[in-house]
Amino acid sequence: MARNTIILKGLDSSRYGEGRADVAIKPGYWLLRNPAGNLIPHNVAGGTFPGGYIAIEDALIGMTVTGTLPPFFQGQVGYIIGNLVRYFIIKPGDECLVVLKTGQVTAKNSKLSSNGDGTFKVATALDGIEFEALEALDLTIGGSVDTLTPARRL
């Protein structure tokens, strides 16, 4: 099912924010602030982060949920170092598109945790659980890539 926005349920205009990217970031990445105050992908595999941010598309400049930008951005995908990144402060019960790491297989209600690079993976028994998948997805098929998938914050 095609979607044109990262935030699916839980819209609240008071929970949007912006910050500078310290590394490349794509819409659907789970973010946190580094000691300098800049945004980076969540960097602890299996770790939790109660005040999580989800990078969202910047429709004001024509960015889509996949990070695609208009031609005058000369092939840039997503946010690059120094860009102003738009994000949403995600709370329990909110639904959004998150980036599921290639090689993962989810069933509906599979528990998801941080992959340590802004993307998500299926949680193991030792992982902190932050989200649950809302759809089944198989990214083990040859040619699979990191893919946006709907999830609910727990």
Protein backbone atom coordinates (compact mmCIF):
# COMPACT_ATOMS: atom_id res chain seq x y z
CA MET A 1 0.00 0.00 0.00
CA ALA A 2 1.53 3.34 -1.06
CA ARG A 3 1.67 6.10 1.51
CA ASN A 4 2.78 9.68 1.04
CA THR A 5 3.59 10.64 4.62
CA ILE A 6 5.77 9.14 7.33
CA ILE A 7 3.32 9.90 10.16
CA LEU A 8 0.20 7.75 9.76
CA LYS A 9 -1.57 8.24 13.12
CA GLY A 10 -0.85 10.59 16.00
CA LEU A 11 -0.62 13.89 14.17
CA ASP A 12 -0.10 16.73 16.62
CA SER A 13 1.49 19.91 15.35
CA SER A 14 3.15 20.55 18.72
CA ARG A 15 5.37 17.46 18.30
CA TYR A 16 7.31 18.52 15.22
CA GLY A 17 10.87 19.73 15.42
CA GLU A 18 13.98 20.45 13.39
CA GLY A 19 17.69 19.98 13.86
CA ARG A 20 20.90 19.81 11.85
CA ALA A 21 22.04 16.48 10.42
CA ASP A 22 25.46 15.28 11.59
CA VAL A 23 25.34 12.39 9.09
CA ALA A 24 23.12 11.35 6.18
CA ILE A 25 19.53 10.71 7.32
CA LYS A 26 16.50 9.35 5.46
CA PRO A 27 12.81 9.75 6.27
CA GLY A 28 11.71 6.90 8.55
CA TYR A 29 15.00 6.77 10.48
CA TRP A 30 14.88 6.72 14.28
CA LEU A 31 16.89 9.70 15.53
CA LEU A 32 18.49 11.13 18.63
CA ARG A 33 20.65 14.17 19.39
CA ASN A 34 24.39 13.83 19.86
CA PRO A 35 26.32 15.80 22.52
CA ALA A 36 26.73 18.70 20.07
CA GLY A 37 22.93 18.90 19.71
CA ASN A 38 22.85 17.64 16.12
CA LEU A 39 20.68 14.78 14.86
CA ILE A 40 22.09 11.32 14.22
CA PRO A 41 20.48 7.93 13.59
CA HIS A 42 19.76 5.95 16.79
CA ASN A 43 23.09 4.18 17.25
CA VAL A 44 22.56 1.38 19.80
CA ALA A 45 21.42 -1.90 18.25
CA GLY A 46 18.63 -3.33 20.39
CA GLY A 47 18.69 -0.22 22.57
CA THR A 48 15.73 1.84 23.71
CA PHE A 49 15.12 5.57 23.57
CA PRO A 50 11.95 6.88 25.29
CA GLY A 51 12.11 10.31 23.65
CA GLY A 52 12.57 9.06 20.11
CA TYR A 53 12.27 11.13 16.97
CA ILE A 54 11.32 9.85 13.53
CA ALA A 55 12.75 11.71 10.54
CA ILE A 56 9.94 12.83 8.26
CA GLU A 57 9.76 13.91 4.65
CA ASP A 58 10.24 17.63 3.97
CA ALA A 59 7.34 18.27 1.63
CA LEU A 60 8.14 22.01 1.70
CA ILE A 61 11.14 21.32 -0.57
CA GLY A 62 9.49 18.47 -2.48
CA MET A 63 11.04 15.55 -0.56
CA THR A 64 9.03 12.33 -0.67
CA VAL A 65 8.83 9.62 2.00
CA THR A 66 11.63 7.74 0.23
CA GLY A 67 13.86 10.83 0.44
CA THR A 68 13.63 11.57 -3.28
CA LEU A 69 14.06 15.26 -4.10
CA PRO A 70 13.34 17.40 -7.19
CA PRO A 71 15.97 17.34 -9.98
CA PHE A 72 17.67 20.59 -8.95
CA PHE A 73 19.02 18.75 -5.86
CA GLN A 74 21.23 16.81 -8.33
CA GLY A 75 20.56 13.27 -7.13
CA GLN A 76 20.57 13.94 -3.37
CA VAL A 77 18.45 11.40 -1.47
CA GLY A 78 17.25 12.30 2.02
CA TYR A 79 19.04 14.74 4.27
CA ILE A 80 22.81 15.24 4.00
CA ILE A 81 25.27 16.55 6.62
CA GLY A 82 24.31 20.07 7.65
CA ASN A 83 20.75 19.91 6.28
CA LEU A 84 17.90 21.00 8.50
CA VAL A 85 16.08 17.74 9.28
CA ARG A 86 12.36 17.70 10.06
CA TYR A 87 11.29 15.14 12.66
CA PHE A 88 8.26 14.06 14.66
CA ILE A 89 8.42 13.23 18.37
CA ILE A 90 6.89 9.76 18.41
CA LYS A 91 4.81 8.61 21.41
CA PRO A 92 3.14 5.31 22.37
CA GLY A 93 0.19 4.52 20.12
CA ASP A 94 1.45 6.65 17.22
CA GLU A 95 1.76 4.92 13.86
CA CYS A 96 4.39 5.80 11.31
CA LEU A 97 6.53 4.41 8.53
CA VAL A 98 9.91 3.18 9.76
CA VAL A 99 12.83 1.86 7.74
CA LEU A 100 13.13 -1.91 8.13
CA LYS A 101 16.65 -3.21 7.47
CA THR A 102 17.11 -5.55 4.53
CA GLY A 103 17.30 -9.24 5.51
CA GLN A 104 14.40 -8.99 7.99
CA VAL A 105 11.10 -10.89 7.93
CA THR A 106 8.14 -9.49 9.85
CA ALA A 107 4.69 -10.82 10.55
CA LYS A 108 1.89 -8.53 11.63
CA ASN A 109 2.60 -7.54 15.29
CA SER A 110 6.30 -8.56 15.13
CA LYS A 111 8.22 -6.58 17.72
CA LEU A 112 10.84 -4.20 16.32
CA SER A 113 13.95 -2.69 17.85
CA SER A 114 16.78 -0.43 16.76
CA ASN A 115 19.27 -1.86 14.30
CA GLY A 116 21.85 0.69 15.49
CA ASP A 117 21.93 2.70 12.26
CA GLY A 118 18.55 4.48 12.27
CA THR A 119 16.77 1.47 10.77
CA PHE A 120 14.81 -1.25 12.57
CA LYS A 121 15.13 -5.01 12.91
CA VAL A 122 12.97 -7.78 14.31
CA ALA A 123 13.63 -7.80 18.06
CA THR A 124 15.40 -10.67 19.77
CA ALA A 125 14.85 -11.75 23.39
CA LEU A 126 17.69 -9.45 24.52
CA ASP A 127 16.58 -6.34 22.62
CA GLY A 128 14.60 -3.42 23.90
CA ILE A 129 11.26 -3.33 22.09
CA GLU A 130 10.03 0.02 20.82
CA PHE A 131 7.64 -0.69 17.93
CA GLU A 132 5.46 -3.43 16.44
CA ALA A 133 5.01 -4.08 12.74
CA LEU A 134 1.56 -3.44 11.30
CA GLU A 135 2.12 -5.52 8.15
CA ALA A 136 4.00 -8.65 7.14
CA LEU A 137 7.13 -8.05 5.06
CA ASP A 138 9.89 -10.32 3.74
CA LEU A 139 13.17 -8.56 2.95
CA THR A 140 15.22 -11.75 2.53
CA ILE A 141 14.38 -12.09 -1.15
CA GLY A 142 17.29 -11.34 -3.50
CA GLY A 143 17.51 -7.67 -4.42
CA SER A 144 15.68 -6.52 -1.29
CA VAL A 145 16.66 -3.14 0.14
CA ASP A 146 15.91 -1.23 3.33
CA THR A 147 12.15 -0.62 3.09
CA LEU A 148 9.58 1.66 4.71
CA THR A 149 7.00 -0.33 6.67
CA PRO A 150 4.14 0.79 8.92
CA ALA A 151 4.71 0.35 12.66
CA ARG A 152 3.11 1.35 15.98
CA ARG A 153 5.11 2.81 18.87
CA LEU A 154 4.62 0.72 22.02
